[in-house]
Amino acid sequence: MKTVRVGGVPEHFNYAWYIGLKNNLFKENGINLRWVDCPGGTGQMTEALRTNSIDMAVVLTEGIVKAISEGLSCKIVQTYVQSPLVWGVHVAYNSKFKTSSELKKKQAAISRYGSGSHLMAYINAQQLEWDVTCDLKFKLVKNLDGGVKALSNGDADYFLWEKFTTKPFVDEGIFEENQNLNDLLSRIDSGEVQLITIEQLKAQFESDDEATEITSEIAVKGLSLIHI
């Protein structure tokens, strides 16, 4: 039985992996799947692939393409999710910021450099025609919980994250998601997320010259399966 370490964010679109583990679907097909939570997102997963801490990842397409272009030895296997993620631009509840233009030169919370929150901040700036060389400032917060603390404490001014994951924080009055802040990003495709079947996963290893080895050269594409 092959052991495969798969990394992913602990968010709703990865619930299918949990169901598969709970029902022993992977073991029934000769795979000892070990799920690794990566709350730090794409940046954490690319680093885990780099250090061989995981074998595969479900990761943002843009983030893994950037990492590969910078020398990360991995490849995209397949799309996991084809529909675009919906990104919210969040500020603290009762924040003084009411429009996107007011966020120019303000501090953006990001989980890690190269993460979705980092890359989408650039897309937001480009959509607003900001000068990305001087109008973007970043505060590293590691993960979603760090983003909550940074905005609540005033250490950062805004935070880009997948809006259905952050909805409980909006409902609880921790984050505020003003339509004037959010609608620019609501239709941007953050990347494909790809779904790999058990048979496809097995075939991937069996077709490799080193079929008995699971290496960090294979990445399941981010919300591509990279082998994210």
C-alpha atoms as a PDB file:
ATOM      1  CA  MET A   1       0.000   0.000   0.000  1.00  0.00           C
ATOM      2  CA  LYS A   2       1.392   3.367  -1.041  1.00  0.00           C
ATOM      3  CA  THR A   3       1.399   6.243   1.450  1.00  0.00           C
ATOM      4  CA  VAL A   4       0.482   9.610  -0.047  1.00  0.00           C
ATOM      5  CA  ARG A   5       0.670  12.855   1.965  1.00  0.00           C
ATOM      6  CA  VAL A   6      -1.785  15.399   0.578  1.00  0.00           C
ATOM      7  CA  GLY A   7      -1.797  19.009   1.753  1.00  0.00           C
ATOM      8  CA  GLY A   8      -4.727  21.387   1.594  1.00  0.00           C
ATOM      9  CA  VAL A   9      -6.437  24.214   3.394  1.00  0.00           C
ATOM     10  CA  PRO A  10      -9.011  23.202   6.049  1.00  0.00           C
ATOM     11  CA  GLU A  11     -11.907  24.733   4.104  1.00  0.00           C
ATOM     12  CA  HIS A  12     -15.191  23.539   2.664  1.00  0.00           C
ATOM     13  CA  PHE A  13     -14.056  22.530  -0.834  1.00  0.00           C
ATOM     14  CA  ASN A  14     -11.681  19.934   0.649  1.00  0.00           C
ATOM     15  CA  TYR A  15     -14.448  18.190   2.588  1.00  0.00           C
ATOM     16  CA  ALA A  16     -14.569  15.459  -0.068  1.00  0.00           C
ATOM     17  CA  TRP A  17     -11.128  14.264   1.059  1.00  0.00           C
ATOM     18  CA  TYR A  18     -12.436  13.892   4.618  1.00  0.00           C
ATOM     19  CA  ILE A  19     -15.429  11.878   3.405  1.00  0.00           C
ATOM     20  CA  GLY A  20     -13.144   9.597   1.415  1.00  0.00           C
ATOM     21  CA  LEU A  21     -10.911   9.027   4.438  1.00  0.00           C
ATOM     22  CA  LYS A  22     -13.864   8.452   6.754  1.00  0.00           C
ATOM     23  CA  ASN A  23     -15.270   5.808   4.420  1.00  0.00           C
ATOM     24  CA  ASN A  24     -11.895   4.137   3.796  1.00  0.00           C
ATOM     25  CA  LEU A  25     -12.205   4.705   0.045  1.00  0.00           C
ATOM     26  CA  PHE A  26      -8.480   5.275  -0.388  1.00  0.00           C
ATOM     27  CA  LYS A  27      -7.420   2.197   1.571  1.00  0.00           C
ATOM     28  CA  GLU A  28      -9.841   0.072  -0.410  1.00  0.00           C
ATOM     29  CA  ASN A  29      -7.874   1.093  -3.483  1.00  0.00           C
ATOM     30  CA  GLY A  30      -4.420   0.503  -2.054  1.00  0.00           C
ATOM     31  CA  ILE A  31      -3.646   4.070  -0.940  1.00  0.00           C
ATOM     32  CA  ASN A  32      -2.750   5.051   2.616  1.00  0.00           C
ATOM     33  CA  LEU A  33      -3.731   8.710   2.276  1.00  0.00           C
ATOM     34  CA  ARG A  34      -2.492  11.073   4.962  1.00  0.00           C
ATOM     35  CA  TRP A  35      -4.228  14.456   4.923  1.00  0.00           C
ATOM     36  CA  VAL A  36      -2.129  17.432   6.080  1.00  0.00           C
ATOM     37  CA  ASP A  37      -3.941  20.640   7.018  1.00  0.00           C
ATOM     38  CA  CYS A  38      -2.191  23.726   5.632  1.00  0.00           C
ATOM     39  CA  PRO A  39      -4.081  26.726   7.052  1.00  0.00           C
ATOM     40  CA  GLY A  40      -1.382  29.026   5.665  1.00  0.00           C
ATOM     41  CA  GLY A  41      -2.670  28.340   2.151  1.00  0.00           C
ATOM     42  CA  THR A  42      -0.739  28.167  -1.087  1.00  0.00           C
ATOM     43  CA  GLY A  43       2.433  29.678   0.348  1.00  0.00           C
ATOM     44  CA  GLN A  44       2.588  27.044   3.076  1.00  0.00           C
ATOM     45  CA  MET A  45       1.873  24.240   0.615  1.00  0.00           C
ATOM     46  CA  THR A  46       4.526  25.276  -1.886  1.00  0.00           C
ATOM     47  CA  GLU A  47       7.068  25.369   0.944  1.00  0.00           C
ATOM     48  CA  ALA A  48       5.893  21.926   2.122  1.00  0.00           C
ATOM     49  CA  LEU A  49       6.381  20.576  -1.407  1.00  0.00           C
ATOM     50  CA  ARG A  50       9.813  22.173  -1.491  1.00  0.00           C
ATOM     51  CA  THR A  51      10.868  20.496   1.766  1.00  0.00           C
ATOM     52  CA  ASN A  52       9.205  17.169   0.871  1.00  0.00           C
ATOM     53  CA  SER A  53       6.827  17.466   3.839  1.00  0.00           C
ATOM     54  CA  ILE A  54       3.926  16.554   1.554  1.00  0.00           C
ATOM     55  CA  ASP A  55       3.710  14.664  -1.733  1.00  0.00           C
ATOM     56  CA  MET A  56       0.712  16.412  -3.256  1.00  0.00           C
ATOM     57  CA  ALA A  57      -1.281  19.599  -2.685  1.00  0.00           C
ATOM     58  CA  VAL A  58      -4.620  21.110  -3.619  1.00  0.00           C
ATOM     59  CA  VAL A  59      -3.400  24.610  -4.368  1.00  0.00           C
ATOM     60  CA  LEU A  60      -4.203  27.813  -6.216  1.00  0.00           C
ATOM     61  CA  THR A  61      -3.154  27.572  -9.838  1.00  0.00           C
ATOM     62  CA  GLU A  62      -1.572  31.022  -9.890  1.00  0.00           C
ATOM     63  CA  GLY A  63       0.445  30.322  -6.766  1.00  0.00           C
ATOM     64  CA  ILE A  64       1.875  27.013  -7.943  1.00  0.00           C
ATOM     65  CA  VAL A  65       2.648  28.381 -11.412  1.00  0.00           C
ATOM     66  CA  LYS A  66       4.590  31.184  -9.753  1.00  0.00           C
ATOM     67  CA  ALA A  67       6.456  28.711  -7.553  1.00  0.00           C
ATOM     68  CA  ILE A  68       7.305  26.471 -10.517  1.00  0.00           C
ATOM     69  CA  SER A  69       8.551  29.485 -12.484  1.00  0.00           C
ATOM     70  CA  GLU A  70      10.852  30.239  -9.556  1.00  0.00           C
ATOM     71  CA  GLY A  71      12.345  26.749  -9.572  1.00  0.00           C
ATOM     72  CA  LEU A  72      10.040  24.538  -7.490  1.00  0.00           C
ATOM     73  CA  SER A  73      10.400  20.980  -8.812  1.00  0.00           C
ATOM     74  CA  CYS A  74       6.815  19.828  -9.161  1.00  0.00           C
ATOM     75  CA  LYS A  75       4.145  19.536 -11.816  1.00  0.00           C
ATOM     76  CA  ILE A  76       0.415  20.113 -12.185  1.00  0.00           C
ATOM     77  CA  VAL A  77      -1.453  16.833 -12.490  1.00  0.00           C
ATOM     78  CA  GLN A  78      -5.061  17.852 -12.931  1.00  0.00           C
ATOM     79  CA  THR A  79      -7.782  20.421 -12.212  1.00  0.00           C
ATOM     80  CA  TYR A  80      -9.584  19.985  -8.886  1.00  0.00           C
ATOM     81  CA  VAL A  81     -12.216  22.735  -9.142  1.00  0.00           C
ATOM     82  CA  GLN A  82     -13.015  24.509 -12.400  1.00  0.00           C
ATOM     83  CA  SER A  83     -15.390  27.148 -11.093  1.00  0.00           C
ATOM     84  CA  PRO A  84     -13.711  30.389  -9.949  1.00  0.00           C
ATOM     85  CA  LEU A  85     -13.232  31.162  -6.306  1.00  0.00           C
ATOM     86  CA  VAL A  86     -15.045  34.269  -5.142  1.00  0.00           C
ATOM     87  CA  TRP A  87     -12.653  36.579  -3.338  1.00  0.00           C
ATOM     88  CA  GLY A  88     -13.849  39.068  -0.762  1.00  0.00           C
ATOM     89  CA  VAL A  89     -12.012  42.254   0.167  1.00  0.00           C
ATOM     90  CA  HIS A  90     -12.481  42.405   3.926  1.00  0.00           C
ATOM     91  CA  VAL A  91     -11.971  45.175   6.435  1.00  0.00           C
ATOM     92  CA  ALA A  92     -12.586  45.233  10.172  1.00  0.00           C
ATOM     93  CA  TYR A  93     -16.164  45.720  11.307  1.00  0.00           C
ATOM     94  CA  ASN A  94     -17.047  49.428  11.446  1.00  0.00           C
ATOM     95  CA  SER A  95     -13.853  50.231   9.565  1.00  0.00           C
ATOM     96  CA  LYS A  96     -13.409  53.756   8.239  1.00  0.00           C
ATOM     97  CA  PHE A  97     -12.671  52.311   4.785  1.00  0.00           C
ATOM     98  CA  LYS A  98     -15.779  52.235   2.621  1.00  0.00           C
ATOM     99  CA  THR A  99     -14.429  52.172  -0.944  1.00  0.00           C
ATOM    100  CA  SER A 100     -11.575  50.351  -2.644  1.00  0.00           C
ATOM    101  CA  SER A 101      -9.799  53.593  -3.522  1.00  0.00           C
ATOM    102  CA  GLU A 102      -9.365  54.320   0.189  1.00  0.00           C
ATOM    103  CA  LEU A 103      -7.187  51.214   0.548  1.00  0.00           C
ATOM    104  CA  LYS A 104      -4.447  52.575  -1.695  1.00  0.00           C
ATOM    105  CA  LYS A 105      -1.080  52.496   0.123  1.00  0.00           C
ATOM    106  CA  LYS A 106      -2.761  50.801   3.115  1.00  0.00           C
ATOM    107  CA  GLN A 107      -1.590  47.604   4.768  1.00  0.00           C
ATOM    108  CA  ALA A 108      -2.863  44.359   3.201  1.00  0.00           C
ATOM    109  CA  ALA A 109      -2.808  41.270   5.412  1.00  0.00           C
ATOM    110  CA  ILE A 110      -1.390  38.216   3.608  1.00  0.00           C
ATOM    111  CA  SER A 111      -0.818  34.689   4.852  1.00  0.00           C
ATOM    112  CA  ARG A 112       2.528  34.297   3.061  1.00  0.00           C
ATOM    113  CA  TYR A 113       4.319  35.696   0.061  1.00  0.00           C
ATOM    114  CA  GLY A 114       3.160  33.763  -2.984  1.00  0.00           C
ATOM    115  CA  SER A 115      -0.135  32.843  -1.321  1.00  0.00           C
ATOM    116  CA  GLY A 116      -3.569  33.556  -2.748  1.00  0.00           C
ATOM    117  CA  SER A 117      -4.066  36.513  -0.445  1.00  0.00           C
ATOM    118  CA  HIS A 118      -0.782  37.955  -1.706  1.00  0.00           C
ATOM    119  CA  LEU A 119      -1.414  37.337  -5.425  1.00  0.00           C
ATOM    120  CA  MET A 120      -5.007  38.545  -5.317  1.00  0.00           C
ATOM    121  CA  ALA A 121      -3.895  41.785  -3.686  1.00  0.00           C
ATOM    122  CA  TYR A 122      -1.899  42.423  -6.859  1.00  0.00           C
ATOM    123  CA  ILE A 123      -4.891  41.605  -9.058  1.00  0.00           C
ATOM    124  CA  ASN A 124      -7.029  43.968  -7.005  1.00  0.00           C
ATOM    125  CA  ALA A 125      -4.409  46.710  -7.375  1.00  0.00           C
ATOM    126  CA  GLN A 126      -4.160  46.161 -11.131  1.00  0.00           C
ATOM    127  CA  GLN A 127      -7.943  46.325 -11.487  1.00  0.00           C
ATOM    128  CA  LEU A 128      -7.875  49.646  -9.622  1.00  0.00           C
ATOM    129  CA  GLU A 129      -4.944  50.858 -11.755  1.00  0.00           C
ATOM    130  CA  TRP A 130      -2.670  51.340  -8.779  1.00  0.00           C
ATOM    131  CA  ASP A 131       1.105  51.423  -9.094  1.00  0.00           C
ATOM    132  CA  VAL A 132       1.961  48.010  -7.625  1.00  0.00           C
ATOM    133  CA  THR A 133       5.549  49.084  -6.965  1.00  0.00           C
ATOM    134  CA  CYS A 134       4.528  51.647  -4.356  1.00  0.00           C
ATOM    135  CA  ASP A 135       0.785  51.380  -3.639  1.00  0.00           C
ATOM    136  CA  LEU A 136       0.875  47.927  -2.012  1.00  0.00           C
ATOM    137  CA  LYS A 137       2.051  47.254   1.528  1.00  0.00           C
ATOM    138  CA  PHE A 138       1.916  43.860   3.207  1.00  0.00           C
ATOM    139  CA  LYS A 139       1.585  42.463   6.706  1.00  0.00           C
ATOM    140  CA  LEU A 140       2.386  38.752   7.130  1.00  0.00           C
ATOM    141  CA  VAL A 141      -0.302  37.057   9.235  1.00  0.00           C
ATOM    142  CA  LYS A 142       0.326  33.325   8.468  1.00  0.00           C
ATOM    143  CA  ASN A 143      -3.325  32.238   8.070  1.00  0.00           C
ATOM    144  CA  LEU A 144      -6.992  33.192   8.326  1.00  0.00           C
ATOM    145  CA  ASP A 145      -6.871  33.427  12.117  1.00  0.00           C
ATOM    146  CA  GLY A 146      -3.909  35.758  11.779  1.00  0.00           C
ATOM    147  CA  GLY A 147      -5.911  37.896   9.372  1.00  0.00           C
ATOM    148  CA  VAL A 148      -8.752  38.140  11.872  1.00  0.00           C
ATOM    149  CA  LYS A 149      -6.359  39.289  14.607  1.00  0.00           C
ATOM    150  CA  ALA A 150      -4.508  41.739  12.353  1.00  0.00           C
ATOM    151  CA  LEU A 151      -7.674  43.511  11.212  1.00  0.00           C
ATOM    152  CA  SER A 152      -9.236  43.469  14.664  1.00  0.00           C
ATOM    153  CA  ASN A 153      -6.083  44.922  16.258  1.00  0.00           C
ATOM    154  CA  GLY A 154      -5.474  47.478  13.524  1.00  0.00           C
ATOM    155  CA  ASP A 155      -2.172  45.857  12.459  1.00  0.00           C
ATOM    156  CA  ALA A 156      -3.499  45.581   8.885  1.00  0.00           C
ATOM    157  CA  ASP A 157      -6.221  47.437   7.002  1.00  0.00           C
ATOM    158  CA  TYR A 158      -7.690  44.897   4.591  1.00  0.00           C
ATOM    159  CA  PHE A 159      -7.550  41.196   3.821  1.00  0.00           C
ATOM    160  CA  LEU A 160      -8.396  39.208   0.683  1.00  0.00           C
ATOM    161  CA  TRP A 161      -9.729  35.703   1.276  1.00  0.00           C
ATOM    162  CA  GLU A 162     -12.282  33.321  -0.239  1.00  0.00           C
ATOM    163  CA  LYS A 163     -15.591  34.887   0.785  1.00  0.00           C
ATOM    164  CA  PHE A 164     -17.565  31.767   1.725  1.00  0.00           C
ATOM    165  CA  THR A 165     -14.810  30.719   4.125  1.00  0.00           C
ATOM    166  CA  THR A 166     -14.915  34.150   5.772  1.00  0.00           C
ATOM    167  CA  LYS A 167     -18.728  34.419   5.815  1.00  0.00           C
ATOM    168  CA  PRO A 168     -18.995  33.307   9.477  1.00  0.00           C
ATOM    169  CA  PHE A 169     -16.676  36.180  10.465  1.00  0.00           C
ATOM    170  CA  VAL A 170     -18.818  38.628   8.480  1.00  0.00           C
ATOM    171  CA  ASP A 171     -21.983  37.240  10.089  1.00  0.00           C
ATOM    172  CA  GLU A 172     -20.424  37.558  13.556  1.00  0.00           C
ATOM    173  CA  GLY A 173     -19.472  41.189  12.991  1.00  0.00           C
ATOM    174  CA  ILE A 174     -15.699  40.604  12.958  1.00  0.00           C
ATOM    175  CA  PHE A 175     -15.164  41.382   9.286  1.00  0.00           C
ATOM    176  CA  GLU A 176     -17.074  43.808   7.110  1.00  0.00           C
ATOM    177  CA  GLU A 177     -17.498  43.114   3.423  1.00  0.00           C
ATOM    178  CA  ASN A 178     -18.769  46.280   1.765  1.00  0.00           C
ATOM    179  CA  GLN A 179     -20.035  45.773  -1.790  1.00  0.00           C
ATOM    180  CA  ASN A 180     -17.988  48.777  -2.901  1.00  0.00           C
ATOM    181  CA  LEU A 181     -14.913  46.926  -1.714  1.00  0.00           C
ATOM    182  CA  ASN A 182     -15.819  43.495  -3.000  1.00  0.00           C
ATOM    183  CA  ASP A 183     -17.445  43.678  -6.410  1.00  0.00           C
ATOM    184  CA  LEU A 184     -14.234  44.166  -8.398  1.00  0.00           C
ATOM    185  CA  LEU A 185     -12.990  40.776  -7.334  1.00  0.00           C
ATOM    186  CA  SER A 186     -16.234  38.864  -7.241  1.00  0.00           C
ATOM    187  CA  ARG A 187     -15.900  37.640 -10.826  1.00  0.00           C
ATOM    188  CA  ILE A 188     -12.138  37.074 -10.993  1.00  0.00           C
ATOM    189  CA  ASP A 189     -11.107  33.469 -11.584  1.00  0.00           C
ATOM    190  CA  SER A 190      -8.537  32.816  -8.891  1.00  0.00           C
ATOM    191  CA  GLY A 191      -7.503  29.602 -10.556  1.00  0.00           C
ATOM    192  CA  GLU A 192      -8.816  26.177 -11.287  1.00  0.00           C
ATOM    193  CA  VAL A 193      -9.154  23.636  -8.561  1.00  0.00           C
ATOM    194  CA  GLN A 194      -8.877  20.126  -9.905  1.00  0.00           C
ATOM    195  CA  LEU A 195     -10.399  16.819  -8.765  1.00  0.00           C
ATOM    196  CA  ILE A 196      -8.358  13.659  -9.139  1.00  0.00           C
ATOM    197  CA  THR A 197     -10.005  10.254  -8.799  1.00  0.00           C
ATOM    198  CA  ILE A 198      -8.493   7.360  -6.901  1.00  0.00           C
ATOM    199  CA  GLU A 199      -7.825   5.480 -10.129  1.00  0.00           C
ATOM    200  CA  GLN A 200      -6.183   8.528 -11.668  1.00  0.00           C
ATOM    201  CA  LEU A 201      -4.061   8.941  -8.563  1.00  0.00           C
ATOM    202  CA  LYS A 202      -2.902   5.334  -8.743  1.00  0.00           C
ATOM    203  CA  ALA A 203      -2.235   5.625 -12.465  1.00  0.00           C
ATOM    204  CA  GLN A 204      -0.087   8.684 -11.887  1.00  0.00           C
ATOM    205  CA  PHE A 205       2.311   6.719  -9.716  1.00  0.00           C
ATOM    206  CA  GLU A 206       2.200   3.542 -11.765  1.00  0.00           C
ATOM    207  CA  SER A 207       3.089   5.424 -14.949  1.00  0.00           C
ATOM    208  CA  ASP A 208       6.177   6.970 -13.356  1.00  0.00           C
ATOM    209  CA  ASP A 209       9.566   5.325 -13.856  1.00  0.00           C
ATOM    210  CA  GLU A 210       9.936   5.332 -10.100  1.00  0.00           C
ATOM    211  CA  ALA A 211       6.525   3.843  -9.425  1.00  0.00           C
ATOM    212  CA  THR A 212       7.473   2.786  -5.908  1.00  0.00           C
ATOM    213  CA  GLU A 213       8.550   6.302  -4.980  1.00  0.00           C
ATOM    214  CA  ILE A 214       6.326   9.242  -4.163  1.00  0.00           C
ATOM    215  CA  THR A 215       8.399  12.367  -4.590  1.00  0.00           C
ATOM    216  CA  SER A 216       7.854  16.075  -4.306  1.00  0.00           C
ATOM    217  CA  GLU A 217       8.268  16.371  -8.081  1.00  0.00           C
ATOM    218  CA  ILE A 218       4.623  15.395  -8.382  1.00  0.00           C
ATOM    219  CA  ALA A 219       2.163  18.019  -7.157  1.00  0.00           C
ATOM    220  CA  VAL A 220      -1.649  18.053  -7.281  1.00  0.00           C
ATOM    221  CA  LYS A 221      -2.702  21.339  -8.934  1.00  0.00           C
ATOM    222  CA  GLY A 222      -4.160  23.890  -6.747  1.00  0.00           C
ATOM    223  CA  LEU A 223      -7.313  24.350  -6.431  1.00  0.00           C
ATOM    224  CA  SER A 224      -5.215  22.635  -9.074  1.00  0.00           C
ATOM    225  CA  LEU A 225      -4.213  19.105  -7.927  1.00  0.00           C
ATOM    226  CA  ILE A 226      -0.534  19.433  -7.601  1.00  0.00           C
ATOM    227  CA  HIS A 227       1.539  16.440  -7.105  1.00  0.00           C
ATOM    228  CA  ILE A 228      -1.489  21.562  -4.791  1.00  0.00           C
END
